Amino acid sequence: MKNRGVKVALIIILAILSIALIMIMVFKIVNRDMKFNLSLIGFGDKTEMLFQEEYEVEALESIDVDVSLSNVRIEKTDTDKVKVTAYGDKGDTVQATINENELSIRKQNTNLYIFTVFYWCREEIIIEIPNESDESFKIHTSSGDITTTDLETNQIQFETGSGDITCGNLNNGDLKSSSGKISIGNGNEITLNTSSGEIKTGNINILNAKASSGDIEFGTIEEGKVETSSGRITIEGAKRLQAQCSSGEMNITHIENYCELSTSSGDIEIQSLNIAENSTISTRSGNVDIRK
């Protein structure tokens, strides 16, 4: 009986090692140009400050960040310079270059652990900018969150593969998340897209939002186009609204001038409707309820 237990344990260990080796091979094939250090076990806190630099505001018009595992955070401060700080595992590399007034930041993870035990590493890039700065931002992270304060004087383009995007008030922005939530404050002209996640905003002037499978919740919209495949749409108010939902409900407090609403299988509920242009409201298998 004991020999049988030992054999089972050995089989399990060999299976785990085989899976780990296959994952390493796949990782190496996909990232063939990447140099990395292979370790058997990762243990303890491996966090280290990898990079810190300050830049004159006059020398920068845009900031481009492209990382794999790191979270990215943008903060406004009372300083007169742009400060970039990067944290990660010891041995990871950070490259920062300026070309035609664009600051480009690239971080490469070079450590690969087969097993981790009580392992912790702060994977984060912090960008501190002056309160009145107007640089544009282009940030891409494969599996990390993007967080910002108010960026009402900046043009932004954020994209994350499996992470959340959380922002304050925005002016002009294009935000995408493959499998994560998008949450922002008020905005002027905003485009939002998520494959499997929720969207939540404050008041938006011009809005274009799409979610494949997730609920969408907005404040008031001047002009908007909203679409979700399987989720609920909740809107406080709109002047001009196009909204489509394949399998979900719509709940709108007030529509002022124009609407084009449709659901395939879900109810449409409007508390107050006051249209001034020809509009359409339709559902294939659901109820339409206009209270006032």
Protein backbone atom coordinates (compact mmCIF):
# COMPACT_ATOMS: atom_id res chain seq x y z
CA MET A 1 0.00 0.00 0.00
CA LYS A 2 2.87 2.37 0.87
CA ASN A 3 4.63 1.62 -2.42
CA ARG A 4 1.44 2.40 -4.29
CA GLY A 5 1.16 5.77 -2.53
CA VAL A 6 4.77 6.58 -3.39
CA LYS A 7 4.17 5.67 -7.02
CA VAL A 8 1.09 7.91 -7.20
CA ALA A 9 3.04 10.79 -5.65
CA LEU A 10 5.87 10.33 -8.13
CA ILE A 11 3.43 10.25 -11.04
CA ILE A 12 1.82 13.49 -9.84
CA ILE A 13 5.22 15.18 -9.44
CA LEU A 14 6.32 14.03 -12.91
CA ALA A 15 3.05 15.25 -14.40
CA ILE A 16 3.49 18.69 -12.80
CA LEU A 17 7.08 18.89 -14.03
CA SER A 18 6.03 17.85 -17.53
CA ILE A 19 3.31 20.51 -17.62
CA ALA A 20 5.78 23.12 -16.36
CA LEU A 21 8.34 22.18 -19.01
CA ILE A 22 5.70 22.31 -21.76
CA MET A 23 4.62 25.77 -20.57
CA ILE A 24 8.24 26.92 -20.61
CA MET A 25 8.71 25.59 -24.14
CA VAL A 26 5.56 27.33 -25.36
CA PHE A 27 6.60 30.55 -23.62
CA LYS A 28 10.04 30.36 -25.22
CA ILE A 29 8.60 29.71 -28.70
CA VAL A 30 6.14 32.61 -28.43
CA ASN A 31 8.83 34.92 -26.99
CA ARG A 32 11.79 33.61 -28.94
CA ASP A 33 13.59 36.95 -28.97
CA MET A 34 13.25 37.40 -25.24
CA LYS A 35 16.06 36.52 -22.82
CA PHE A 36 14.92 35.21 -19.46
CA ASN A 37 16.30 33.55 -16.35
CA LEU A 38 14.74 30.22 -15.39
CA SER A 39 14.47 29.40 -11.67
CA LEU A 40 12.94 26.38 -9.98
CA ILE A 41 11.32 28.20 -7.02
CA GLY A 42 10.35 31.80 -6.42
CA PHE A 43 10.12 32.61 -2.69
CA GLY A 44 9.48 35.76 -0.67
CA ASP A 45 9.26 39.41 -1.70
CA LYS A 46 11.22 40.02 -4.90
CA THR A 47 10.20 43.68 -5.35
CA GLU A 48 12.91 46.09 -6.41
CA MET A 49 12.94 49.63 -7.79
CA LEU A 50 14.21 49.12 -11.32
CA PHE A 51 14.04 52.62 -12.74
CA GLN A 52 13.44 56.22 -11.73
CA GLU A 53 13.93 59.30 -13.89
CA GLU A 54 12.61 62.86 -14.24
CA TYR A 55 11.92 64.68 -17.51
CA GLU A 56 11.30 68.29 -18.43
CA VAL A 57 7.67 68.90 -19.35
CA GLU A 58 8.63 71.07 -22.35
CA ALA A 59 10.50 68.12 -23.90
CA LEU A 60 7.46 65.82 -23.95
CA GLU A 61 4.29 65.84 -26.00
CA SER A 62 3.27 62.20 -25.50
CA ILE A 63 4.08 59.20 -23.31
CA ASP A 64 3.92 55.65 -24.71
CA VAL A 65 4.03 52.69 -22.29
CA ASP A 66 4.10 49.06 -23.46
CA VAL A 67 4.50 46.39 -20.76
CA SER A 68 3.45 42.78 -20.15
CA LEU A 69 2.68 42.16 -16.48
CA SER A 70 2.87 45.57 -14.83
CA ASN A 71 0.13 47.78 -13.52
CA VAL A 72 0.36 51.38 -14.73
CA ARG A 73 -0.65 54.32 -12.55
CA ILE A 74 -0.77 58.00 -13.57
CA GLU A 75 -0.83 60.66 -10.87
CA LYS A 76 -0.95 64.46 -10.95
CA THR A 77 1.35 66.28 -8.52
CA ASP A 78 2.51 69.81 -7.66
CA THR A 79 5.88 69.28 -9.36
CA ASP A 80 7.10 70.90 -12.59
CA LYS A 81 8.57 67.70 -14.09
CA VAL A 82 7.42 64.31 -15.30
CA LYS A 83 8.67 61.53 -13.05
CA VAL A 84 8.66 57.83 -13.98
CA THR A 85 9.26 55.07 -11.40
CA ALA A 86 9.22 51.36 -12.22
CA TYR A 87 9.07 48.43 -9.80
CA GLY A 88 9.51 44.74 -10.59
CA ASP A 89 11.50 41.59 -10.02
CA LYS A 90 15.27 41.89 -9.73
CA GLY A 91 16.80 41.42 -13.14
CA ASP A 92 13.81 42.76 -15.10
CA THR A 93 14.78 45.46 -17.58
CA VAL A 94 13.26 48.89 -18.22
CA GLN A 95 14.05 50.96 -21.28
CA ALA A 96 13.07 54.62 -21.59
CA THR A 97 13.82 56.62 -24.73
CA ILE A 98 12.75 59.98 -26.14
CA ASN A 99 12.18 60.35 -29.86
CA GLU A 100 10.49 63.38 -31.44
CA ASN A 101 9.10 64.55 -28.07
CA GLU A 102 7.63 61.13 -27.26
CA LEU A 103 8.76 59.29 -24.14
CA SER A 104 8.68 55.54 -24.79
CA ILE A 105 8.78 53.14 -21.83
CA ARG A 106 9.26 49.38 -22.23
CA LYS A 107 9.55 46.89 -19.39
CA GLN A 108 10.60 43.28 -19.96
CA ASN A 109 10.13 40.52 -17.40
CA THR A 110 13.21 38.31 -17.50
CA ASN A 111 12.60 35.97 -14.54
CA LEU A 112 10.55 32.81 -14.95
CA TYR A 113 9.76 30.58 -11.96
CA ILE A 114 8.52 27.01 -12.27
CA PHE A 115 7.05 27.07 -8.75
CA THR A 116 6.28 30.00 -6.42
CA VAL A 117 5.91 29.70 -2.63
CA PHE A 118 4.78 32.80 -0.71
CA TYR A 119 6.08 34.78 -3.67
CA TRP A 120 5.33 38.48 -4.00
CA CYS A 121 6.51 41.13 -6.45
CA ARG A 122 5.19 44.62 -7.02
CA GLU A 123 4.85 44.95 -10.78
CA GLU A 124 4.03 48.63 -11.31
CA ILE A 125 4.98 51.70 -13.29
CA ILE A 126 4.09 55.07 -11.76
CA ILE A 127 3.99 58.20 -13.93
CA GLU A 128 3.79 61.49 -12.03
CA ILE A 129 2.85 64.54 -14.10
CA PRO A 130 2.31 68.22 -13.22
CA ASN A 131 -1.26 69.30 -12.55
CA GLU A 132 -1.47 71.45 -15.69
CA SER A 133 0.32 69.07 -18.08
CA ASP A 134 -1.30 68.27 -21.43
CA GLU A 135 0.71 65.29 -22.70
CA SER A 136 -1.13 62.54 -24.53
CA PHE A 137 -0.87 58.98 -23.22
CA LYS A 138 -0.76 55.65 -25.04
CA ILE A 139 -0.59 52.74 -22.60
CA HIS A 140 -0.74 49.01 -23.32
CA THR A 141 -0.38 46.22 -20.78
CA SER A 142 -1.05 42.52 -21.39
CA SER A 143 -2.14 41.61 -17.87
CA GLY A 144 -2.20 44.63 -15.61
CA ASP A 145 -4.49 47.37 -14.34
CA ILE A 146 -4.41 50.97 -15.55
CA THR A 147 -5.33 53.63 -12.99
CA THR A 148 -5.37 57.42 -13.34
CA THR A 149 -6.61 60.55 -11.64
CA ASP A 150 -8.42 63.28 -13.62
CA LEU A 151 -6.92 63.78 -17.11
CA GLU A 152 -9.20 66.51 -18.43
CA THR A 153 -6.46 68.22 -20.46
CA ASN A 154 -4.96 65.05 -21.93
CA GLN A 155 -5.75 62.75 -24.82
CA ILE A 156 -5.49 59.09 -23.83
CA GLN A 157 -5.45 55.65 -25.41
CA PHE A 158 -5.50 52.78 -22.90
CA GLU A 159 -5.57 49.06 -23.63
CA THR A 160 -5.22 46.07 -21.29
CA GLY A 161 -5.61 42.38 -21.99
CA SER A 162 -6.74 41.03 -18.62
CA GLY A 163 -6.94 43.97 -16.28
CA ASP A 164 -9.22 46.78 -15.13
CA ILE A 165 -9.14 50.41 -16.26
CA THR A 166 -10.08 52.99 -13.61
CA CYS A 167 -9.93 56.71 -14.40
CA GLY A 168 -11.13 60.02 -13.06
CA ASN A 169 -12.62 62.69 -15.32
CA LEU A 170 -11.42 62.59 -18.93
CA ASN A 171 -11.52 64.84 -21.97
CA ASN A 172 -10.81 62.62 -24.97
CA GLY A 173 -10.18 58.90 -24.54
CA ASP A 174 -10.17 55.49 -26.20
CA LEU A 175 -10.23 52.69 -23.61
CA LYS A 176 -10.17 48.92 -24.28
CA SER A 177 -10.10 45.89 -21.99
CA SER A 178 -10.36 42.29 -23.18
CA SER A 179 -11.47 40.80 -19.87
CA GLY A 180 -11.76 43.51 -17.27
CA LYS A 181 -13.89 46.37 -15.98
CA ILE A 182 -13.79 49.94 -17.26
CA SER A 183 -14.76 52.66 -14.83
CA ILE A 184 -14.38 56.42 -15.42
CA GLY A 185 -15.78 59.67 -14.10
CA ASN A 186 -17.21 62.36 -16.38
CA GLY A 187 -15.95 62.76 -19.93
CA ASN A 188 -16.16 64.76 -23.13
CA GLU A 189 -15.60 62.43 -26.13
CA ILE A 190 -15.09 58.83 -25.02
CA THR A 191 -14.86 55.42 -26.73
CA LEU A 192 -15.11 52.31 -24.53
CA ASN A 193 -14.77 48.65 -25.47
CA THR A 194 -14.61 45.50 -23.35
CA SER A 195 -15.01 41.85 -24.34
CA SER A 196 -16.05 40.36 -21.01
CA GLY A 197 -16.37 43.04 -18.38
CA GLU A 198 -18.54 45.82 -17.03
CA ILE A 199 -18.55 49.48 -18.05
CA LYS A 200 -19.47 52.28 -15.67
CA THR A 201 -19.17 56.03 -16.25
CA GLY A 202 -20.40 59.40 -15.06
CA ASN A 203 -21.78 62.04 -17.43
CA ILE A 204 -20.47 61.93 -21.02
CA ASN A 205 -20.95 64.37 -23.91
CA ILE A 206 -20.20 62.07 -26.87
CA LEU A 207 -20.05 58.34 -26.14
CA ASN A 208 -19.39 55.17 -28.10
CA ALA A 209 -19.46 52.05 -25.90
CA LYS A 210 -19.49 48.33 -26.63
CA ALA A 211 -19.40 45.28 -24.36
CA SER A 212 -19.58 41.68 -25.51
CA SER A 213 -20.72 40.23 -22.19
CA GLY A 214 -21.17 42.68 -19.37
CA ASP A 215 -23.44 45.30 -17.85
CA ILE A 216 -23.21 48.92 -18.91
CA GLU A 217 -24.10 51.81 -16.60
CA PHE A 218 -23.91 55.52 -17.46
CA GLY A 219 -24.92 58.88 -16.06
CA THR A 220 -26.29 61.40 -18.56
CA ILE A 221 -25.31 61.34 -22.24
CA GLU A 222 -25.58 64.18 -24.77
CA GLU A 223 -25.11 61.87 -27.75
CA GLY A 224 -24.34 58.17 -27.45
CA LYS A 225 -24.15 54.83 -29.19
CA VAL A 226 -24.23 51.86 -26.80
CA GLU A 227 -24.16 48.14 -27.55
CA THR A 228 -23.88 44.96 -25.48
CA SER A 229 -24.37 41.31 -26.46
CA SER A 230 -25.37 39.87 -23.09
CA GLY A 231 -25.79 42.38 -20.31
CA ARG A 232 -28.00 45.10 -18.86
CA ILE A 233 -27.89 48.72 -20.03
CA THR A 234 -28.67 51.36 -17.38
CA ILE A 235 -28.66 55.05 -18.33
CA GLU A 236 -29.68 58.01 -16.18
CA GLY A 237 -30.54 60.32 -19.09
CA ALA A 238 -29.80 61.03 -22.74
CA LYS A 239 -30.58 63.63 -25.42
CA ARG A 240 -29.72 61.49 -28.44
CA LEU A 241 -29.28 57.76 -27.88
CA GLN A 242 -28.76 54.65 -29.98
CA ALA A 243 -28.73 51.50 -27.84
CA GLN A 244 -28.80 47.84 -28.78
CA CYS A 245 -28.86 44.78 -26.55
CA SER A 246 -28.94 41.17 -27.77
CA SER A 247 -29.90 39.42 -24.54
CA GLY A 248 -30.44 41.85 -21.71
CA GLU A 249 -32.61 44.64 -20.36
CA MET A 250 -32.56 48.40 -20.82
CA ASN A 251 -33.44 50.73 -17.99
CA ILE A 252 -33.37 54.43 -18.89
CA THR A 253 -34.53 57.23 -16.60
CA HIS A 254 -35.05 59.98 -19.19
CA ILE A 255 -34.70 60.54 -22.94
CA GLU A 256 -35.04 64.10 -24.23
CA ASN A 257 -34.90 64.39 -28.05
CA TYR A 258 -34.23 61.17 -29.99
CA CYS A 259 -33.74 57.46 -29.47
CA GLU A 260 -33.24 54.25 -31.42
CA LEU A 261 -33.54 51.34 -28.99
CA SER A 262 -33.73 47.61 -29.64
CA THR A 263 -33.36 44.32 -27.78
CA SER A 264 -33.56 40.74 -29.02
CA SER A 265 -34.64 39.18 -25.73
CA GLY A 266 -35.11 41.68 -22.94
CA ASP A 267 -37.40 44.39 -21.58
CA ILE A 268 -37.07 48.11 -22.27
CA GLU A 269 -38.13 50.40 -19.44
CA ILE A 270 -38.15 54.20 -19.77
CA GLN A 271 -39.24 56.40 -16.90
CA SER A 272 -39.73 59.60 -18.92
CA LEU A 273 -39.76 60.10 -22.70
CA ASN A 274 -39.93 63.47 -24.46
CA ILE A 275 -38.89 63.01 -28.11
CA ALA A 276 -38.65 65.78 -30.72
CA GLU A 277 -37.57 63.62 -33.68
CA ASN A 278 -38.86 60.39 -35.21
CA SER A 279 -37.62 57.55 -33.00
CA THR A 280 -37.91 53.77 -32.74
CA ILE A 281 -38.20 51.41 -29.78
CA SER A 282 -38.44 47.67 -30.44
CA THR A 283 -37.96 44.28 -28.82
CA ARG A 284 -38.44 40.80 -30.28
CA SER A 285 -39.16 38.91 -27.07
CA GLY A 286 -39.69 41.36 -24.25
CA ASN A 287 -41.89 44.20 -22.96
CA VAL A 288 -41.66 47.94 -23.59
CA ASP A 289 -42.70 50.05 -20.61
CA ILE A 290 -42.82 53.86 -20.93
CA ARG A 291 -43.97 55.39 -17.65
CA LYS A 292 -44.35 59.04 -18.73
